[in-house]
């Protein structure tokens, strides 16, 4: 599985931008995603983010997340079909050819449309966060959040959550490789995949709790509660920031036109 929410040292256009500009872009994209229910509009936003990622030289990192998102989308579609029945019936989850139980659980256009909208929103949310996190160093992100007058505790929680996700992902991968090196074979198929999670999740959760305790002690030792801060360096606004600002304004105008139309 490709790493998610991990900063990459790339000499790209987004890496030279101010973190405030990228945060504004992220907020506008999230607002448009939440307000829009048109699958074509959401697909257009995904295409725009992918084009920006390619321009920033980290398109591969976003494409690598597609298999995971496709798996989540498939589960979401099945769940929506099972729980939502609106619109025209286009088929049945259990085919008519199966005796006795055939023709049950109808697949409706409303369920598929709703599932498509939710799936596209998942794609946009992860891609947008990836675009910002890959191109923004943690210290720049914290400095930008402080300039937005976000409380220090919330900034710290956000930064820890972002940093813990790739750390836990890497830790889980190491535990899985250690189990395989010990010749642990839970079997194949779905049952084997489920059985394989148990010896991974238990040490992963245990290690995460231990790291959380050490992190709490480290925060206290570094004097967080004294509220004394070391001023951080601010990346100046440049041409890429102004270009992205024009794009943000264009997105706001396009969103308003689509919403009011």
Protein backbone atom coordinates (compact mmCIF):
# COMPACT_ATOMS: atom_id res chain seq x y z
CA UNK A 1 0.00 0.00 0.00
CA UNK A 2 1.33 3.42 -0.91
CA UNK A 3 2.09 5.82 1.90
CA UNK A 4 -0.54 8.44 2.61
CA UNK A 5 -0.26 11.90 4.19
CA UNK A 6 3.53 11.88 3.95
CA UNK A 7 5.65 14.91 3.01
CA UNK A 8 7.80 14.39 -0.10
CA UNK A 9 10.93 16.41 -0.85
CA UNK A 10 10.23 17.39 -4.45
CA UNK A 11 11.27 20.53 -6.29
CA UNK A 12 7.79 21.27 -7.56
CA UNK A 13 5.62 24.33 -7.94
CA UNK A 14 3.47 23.47 -4.91
CA UNK A 15 6.52 23.03 -2.70
CA UNK A 16 7.44 26.66 -3.39
CA UNK A 17 4.02 28.00 -2.36
CA UNK A 18 3.04 29.52 0.94
CA UNK A 19 1.12 27.13 3.20
CA UNK A 20 -1.70 29.67 3.64
CA UNK A 21 -2.47 29.56 -0.08
CA UNK A 22 -2.69 25.76 -0.05
CA UNK A 23 -4.90 25.78 3.05
CA UNK A 24 -7.30 28.23 1.36
CA UNK A 25 -7.40 26.02 -1.71
CA UNK A 26 -8.13 22.97 0.46
CA UNK A 27 -10.98 24.74 2.28
CA UNK A 28 -12.56 25.92 -0.98
CA UNK A 29 -12.34 22.44 -2.51
CA UNK A 30 -13.89 20.86 0.59
CA UNK A 31 -16.73 23.41 0.59
CA UNK A 32 -17.47 22.80 -3.10
CA UNK A 33 -17.34 19.05 -2.54
CA UNK A 34 -19.80 19.16 0.34
CA UNK A 35 -22.22 21.52 -1.41
CA UNK A 36 -22.20 19.80 -4.80
CA UNK A 37 -24.28 16.69 -5.50
CA UNK A 38 -23.59 16.55 -9.23
CA UNK A 39 -21.28 13.61 -10.10
CA UNK A 40 -19.96 15.44 -13.17
CA UNK A 41 -18.93 18.45 -11.09
CA UNK A 42 -17.23 16.20 -8.55
CA UNK A 43 -15.45 14.30 -11.31
CA UNK A 44 -14.27 17.63 -12.73
CA UNK A 45 -12.81 18.59 -9.34
CA UNK A 46 -10.95 15.28 -9.19
CA UNK A 47 -9.54 15.87 -12.67
CA UNK A 48 -8.45 19.38 -11.66
CA UNK A 49 -6.65 18.09 -8.55
CA UNK A 50 -4.91 15.39 -10.59
CA UNK A 51 -3.75 17.97 -13.13
CA UNK A 52 -2.41 20.17 -10.32
CA UNK A 53 -0.63 17.17 -8.82
CA UNK A 54 0.99 16.38 -12.16
CA UNK A 55 2.09 20.02 -12.42
CA UNK A 56 3.53 19.71 -8.90
CA UNK A 57 5.42 16.54 -9.87
CA UNK A 58 3.69 14.20 -7.43
CA UNK A 59 0.90 12.77 -9.56
CA UNK A 60 2.13 9.22 -8.94
CA UNK A 61 1.53 9.56 -5.20
CA UNK A 62 -2.13 10.38 -5.83
CA UNK A 63 -2.61 7.68 -8.45
CA UNK A 64 -1.16 5.14 -6.01
CA UNK A 65 -4.16 5.73 -3.71
CA UNK A 66 -6.70 4.77 -6.39
CA UNK A 67 -6.79 1.01 -5.57
CA UNK A 68 -7.53 1.69 -1.90
CA UNK A 69 -10.21 4.25 -2.77
CA UNK A 70 -11.72 1.90 -5.37
CA UNK A 71 -11.99 -0.82 -2.70
CA UNK A 72 -13.69 1.59 -0.29
CA UNK A 73 -15.99 2.80 -3.06
CA UNK A 74 -17.03 -0.77 -3.90
CA UNK A 75 -17.96 -1.42 -0.28
CA UNK A 76 -19.82 1.88 -0.13
CA UNK A 77 -21.80 1.04 -3.27
CA UNK A 78 -22.81 -2.35 -1.86
CA UNK A 79 -23.82 -0.77 1.46
CA UNK A 80 -25.87 1.91 -0.31
CA UNK A 81 -27.63 -0.63 -2.51
CA UNK A 82 -28.55 -2.68 0.57
CA UNK A 83 -29.88 0.27 2.57
CA UNK A 84 -31.32 2.67 -0.01
CA UNK A 85 -34.07 2.00 -2.53
CA UNK A 86 -35.13 5.04 -4.51
CA UNK A 87 -35.51 5.68 -8.20
CA UNK A 88 -35.94 3.19 -11.01
CA UNK A 89 -34.96 -0.46 -10.55
CA UNK A 90 -32.26 -1.46 -13.04
CA UNK A 91 -31.48 -4.90 -11.66
CA UNK A 92 -31.18 -7.07 -8.59
CA UNK A 93 -28.22 -7.85 -6.38
CA UNK A 94 -29.40 -11.47 -6.29
CA UNK A 95 -30.07 -12.46 -9.94
CA UNK A 96 -33.52 -13.64 -10.98
CA UNK A 97 -32.04 -16.92 -12.22
CA UNK A 98 -31.29 -18.12 -8.68
CA UNK A 99 -34.21 -20.26 -7.41
CA UNK A 100 -36.26 -19.20 -4.39
CA UNK A 101 -34.15 -16.15 -3.44
CA UNK A 102 -33.67 -14.62 -6.88
CA UNK A 103 -35.03 -11.14 -7.53
CA UNK A 104 -34.35 -9.74 -4.07
CA UNK A 105 -32.42 -6.59 -3.09
CA UNK A 106 -33.17 -4.28 -6.03
CA UNK A 107 -30.47 -2.04 -7.46
CA UNK A 108 -31.94 1.42 -8.04
CA UNK A 109 -30.68 4.45 -9.87
CA UNK A 110 -31.03 6.60 -6.77
CA UNK A 111 -28.79 4.29 -4.75
CA UNK A 112 -26.13 4.19 -7.44
CA UNK A 113 -26.17 7.97 -7.87
CA UNK A 114 -25.91 8.55 -4.14
CA UNK A 115 -23.08 6.00 -3.85
CA UNK A 116 -21.25 7.61 -6.78
CA UNK A 117 -21.47 11.05 -5.14
CA UNK A 118 -20.13 9.73 -1.83
CA UNK A 119 -17.34 7.82 -3.54
CA UNK A 120 -16.26 10.85 -5.55
CA UNK A 121 -16.27 12.91 -2.36
CA UNK A 122 -13.93 10.37 -0.76
CA UNK A 123 -11.61 10.69 -3.75
CA UNK A 124 -11.63 14.50 -3.59
CA UNK A 125 -11.07 14.68 0.17
CA UNK A 126 -8.09 12.35 0.15
CA UNK A 127 -6.57 13.83 -3.01
CA UNK A 128 -6.94 17.39 -1.71
CA UNK A 129 -5.35 16.54 1.64
CA UNK A 130 -2.59 14.64 -0.15
CA UNK A 131 -1.91 17.64 -2.37
CA UNK A 132 -1.39 19.87 0.66
CA UNK A 133 0.48 17.42 2.93
CA UNK A 134 2.87 16.12 0.26
CA UNK A 135 3.98 19.66 -0.60
CA UNK A 136 3.97 21.27 2.87
CA UNK A 137 6.49 20.75 5.62
CA UNK A 138 4.96 20.31 9.10
CA UNK A 139 6.63 23.46 10.46
CA UNK A 140 5.21 25.53 7.58
CA UNK A 141 1.77 24.09 8.24
CA UNK A 142 1.92 24.93 11.94
CA UNK A 143 3.11 28.47 11.18
CA UNK A 144 0.24 28.97 8.74
CA UNK A 145 -2.33 27.66 11.24
CA UNK A 146 -0.98 30.01 13.89
CA UNK A 147 -1.35 32.93 11.48
CA UNK A 148 -4.97 31.87 11.02
CA UNK A 149 -5.29 32.22 14.83
CA UNK A 150 -6.07 28.56 15.33
CA UNK A 151 -5.46 27.60 18.99
CA UNK A 152 -2.12 25.92 19.57
CA UNK A 153 -3.73 22.80 21.04
CA UNK A 154 -5.79 22.24 17.90
CA UNK A 155 -2.80 22.87 15.65
CA UNK A 156 -0.77 20.36 17.64
CA UNK A 157 -3.54 17.74 17.50
CA UNK A 158 -3.87 18.17 13.74
CA UNK A 159 -0.12 17.89 13.21
CA UNK A 160 0.16 14.80 15.42
CA UNK A 161 -2.74 13.12 13.62
CA UNK A 162 -1.15 13.82 10.23
CA UNK A 163 2.25 12.55 11.33
CA UNK A 164 0.88 9.46 13.10
CA UNK A 165 -0.95 8.11 10.04
CA UNK A 166 2.16 7.33 7.93
CA UNK A 167 4.00 6.21 11.08
CA UNK A 168 1.26 3.70 11.94
CA UNK A 169 1.10 2.57 8.34
CA UNK A 170 4.84 1.86 8.28
CA UNK A 171 4.68 0.17 11.68
CA UNK A 172 1.86 -2.08 10.50
CA UNK A 173 3.83 -3.05 7.42
CA UNK A 174 6.85 -3.98 9.55
CA UNK A 175 4.72 -6.10 11.88
CA UNK A 176 3.19 -7.88 8.89
CA UNK A 177 6.64 -8.62 7.45
CA UNK A 178 7.81 -9.88 10.86
CA UNK A 179 4.84 -12.25 11.06
CA UNK A 180 5.58 -13.57 7.59
CA UNK A 181 9.26 -14.03 8.50
CA UNK A 182 8.06 -16.25 11.37
CA UNK A 183 6.19 -18.41 8.80
CA UNK A 184 2.76 -17.24 9.91
CA UNK A 185 0.28 -18.35 7.26
CA UNK A 186 -3.38 -17.54 7.99
CA UNK A 187 -4.53 -18.95 4.66
CA UNK A 188 -5.83 -17.42 1.48
CA UNK A 189 -9.03 -15.65 0.47
CA UNK A 190 -11.15 -13.29 2.53
CA UNK A 191 -11.01 -15.52 5.63
CA UNK A 192 -7.23 -15.55 5.53
CA UNK A 193 -7.07 -11.76 5.17
CA UNK A 194 -9.32 -11.33 8.21
CA UNK A 195 -7.28 -13.78 10.31
CA UNK A 196 -4.09 -11.98 9.29
CA UNK A 197 -5.32 -8.72 10.86
CA UNK A 198 -5.40 -10.03 14.45
CA UNK A 199 -1.62 -10.51 14.98
CA UNK A 200 -1.06 -7.13 13.33
CA UNK A 201 -3.65 -4.96 15.08
CA UNK A 202 -2.82 -6.06 18.64
CA UNK A 203 0.90 -5.10 18.59
CA UNK A 204 0.10 -2.05 16.43
CA UNK A 205 -2.38 -0.67 18.97
CA UNK A 206 -0.02 -1.50 21.84
CA UNK A 207 2.89 0.30 20.16
CA UNK A 208 0.66 3.28 19.31
CA UNK A 209 -0.39 3.67 22.96
CA UNK A 210 3.24 3.49 24.03
CA UNK A 211 4.22 6.16 21.50
CA UNK A 212 1.33 8.36 22.63
CA UNK A 213 2.59 8.20 26.23
CA UNK A 214 6.14 9.09 25.18
CA UNK A 215 4.82 11.91 22.98
CA UNK A 216 2.84 13.38 25.85
CA UNK A 217 5.92 13.41 28.09
CA UNK A 218 7.99 14.95 25.30
CA UNK A 219 5.45 17.74 24.79
CA UNK A 220 5.51 18.58 28.50
CA UNK A 221 9.32 18.53 28.61
CA UNK A 222 9.50 20.96 25.70
CA UNK A 223 7.36 23.46 27.57
CA UNK A 224 4.15 23.56 25.54
CA UNK A 225 2.17 24.83 28.51
CA UNK A 226 4.48 27.82 28.95
CA UNK A 227 2.96 29.22 25.71
CA UNK A 228 6.41 30.57 24.71
CA UNK A 229 6.92 30.09 20.98
CA UNK A 230 9.94 30.17 18.73
CA UNK A 231 9.03 32.30 15.69
CA UNK A 232 8.97 30.26 12.50
CA UNK A 233 10.16 31.24 9.06
CA UNK A 234 7.43 32.24 6.62
CA UNK A 235 7.71 31.36 2.96
CA UNK A 236 7.03 34.54 0.93
CA UNK A 237 4.16 34.72 -1.52
CA UNK A 238 5.25 34.30 -5.13
CA UNK A 239 3.85 33.92 -8.61
CA UNK A 240 2.61 30.33 -7.98
CA UNK A 241 0.62 31.59 -4.98
CA UNK A 242 -1.06 34.30 -7.02
CA UNK A 243 -1.88 31.83 -9.81
CA UNK A 244 -3.43 29.43 -7.31
CA UNK A 245 -5.30 32.39 -5.79
CA UNK A 246 -6.82 33.17 -9.20
CA UNK A 247 -7.84 29.50 -9.47
CA UNK A 248 -9.44 29.67 -6.00
CA UNK A 249 -11.49 32.72 -7.03
CA UNK A 250 -12.51 30.94 -10.24
CA UNK A 251 -13.61 27.88 -8.27
CA UNK A 252 -15.67 30.03 -5.89
CA UNK A 253 -17.39 31.76 -8.81
CA UNK A 254 -18.01 28.46 -10.63
CA UNK A 255 -19.37 26.89 -7.46
CA UNK A 256 -21.73 29.80 -6.89
CA UNK A 257 -22.98 29.62 -10.48
CA UNK A 258 -23.57 25.87 -10.31
CA UNK A 259 -25.27 26.10 -6.91
CA UNK A 260 -27.59 28.96 -7.88
CA UNK A 261 -28.37 27.59 -11.35
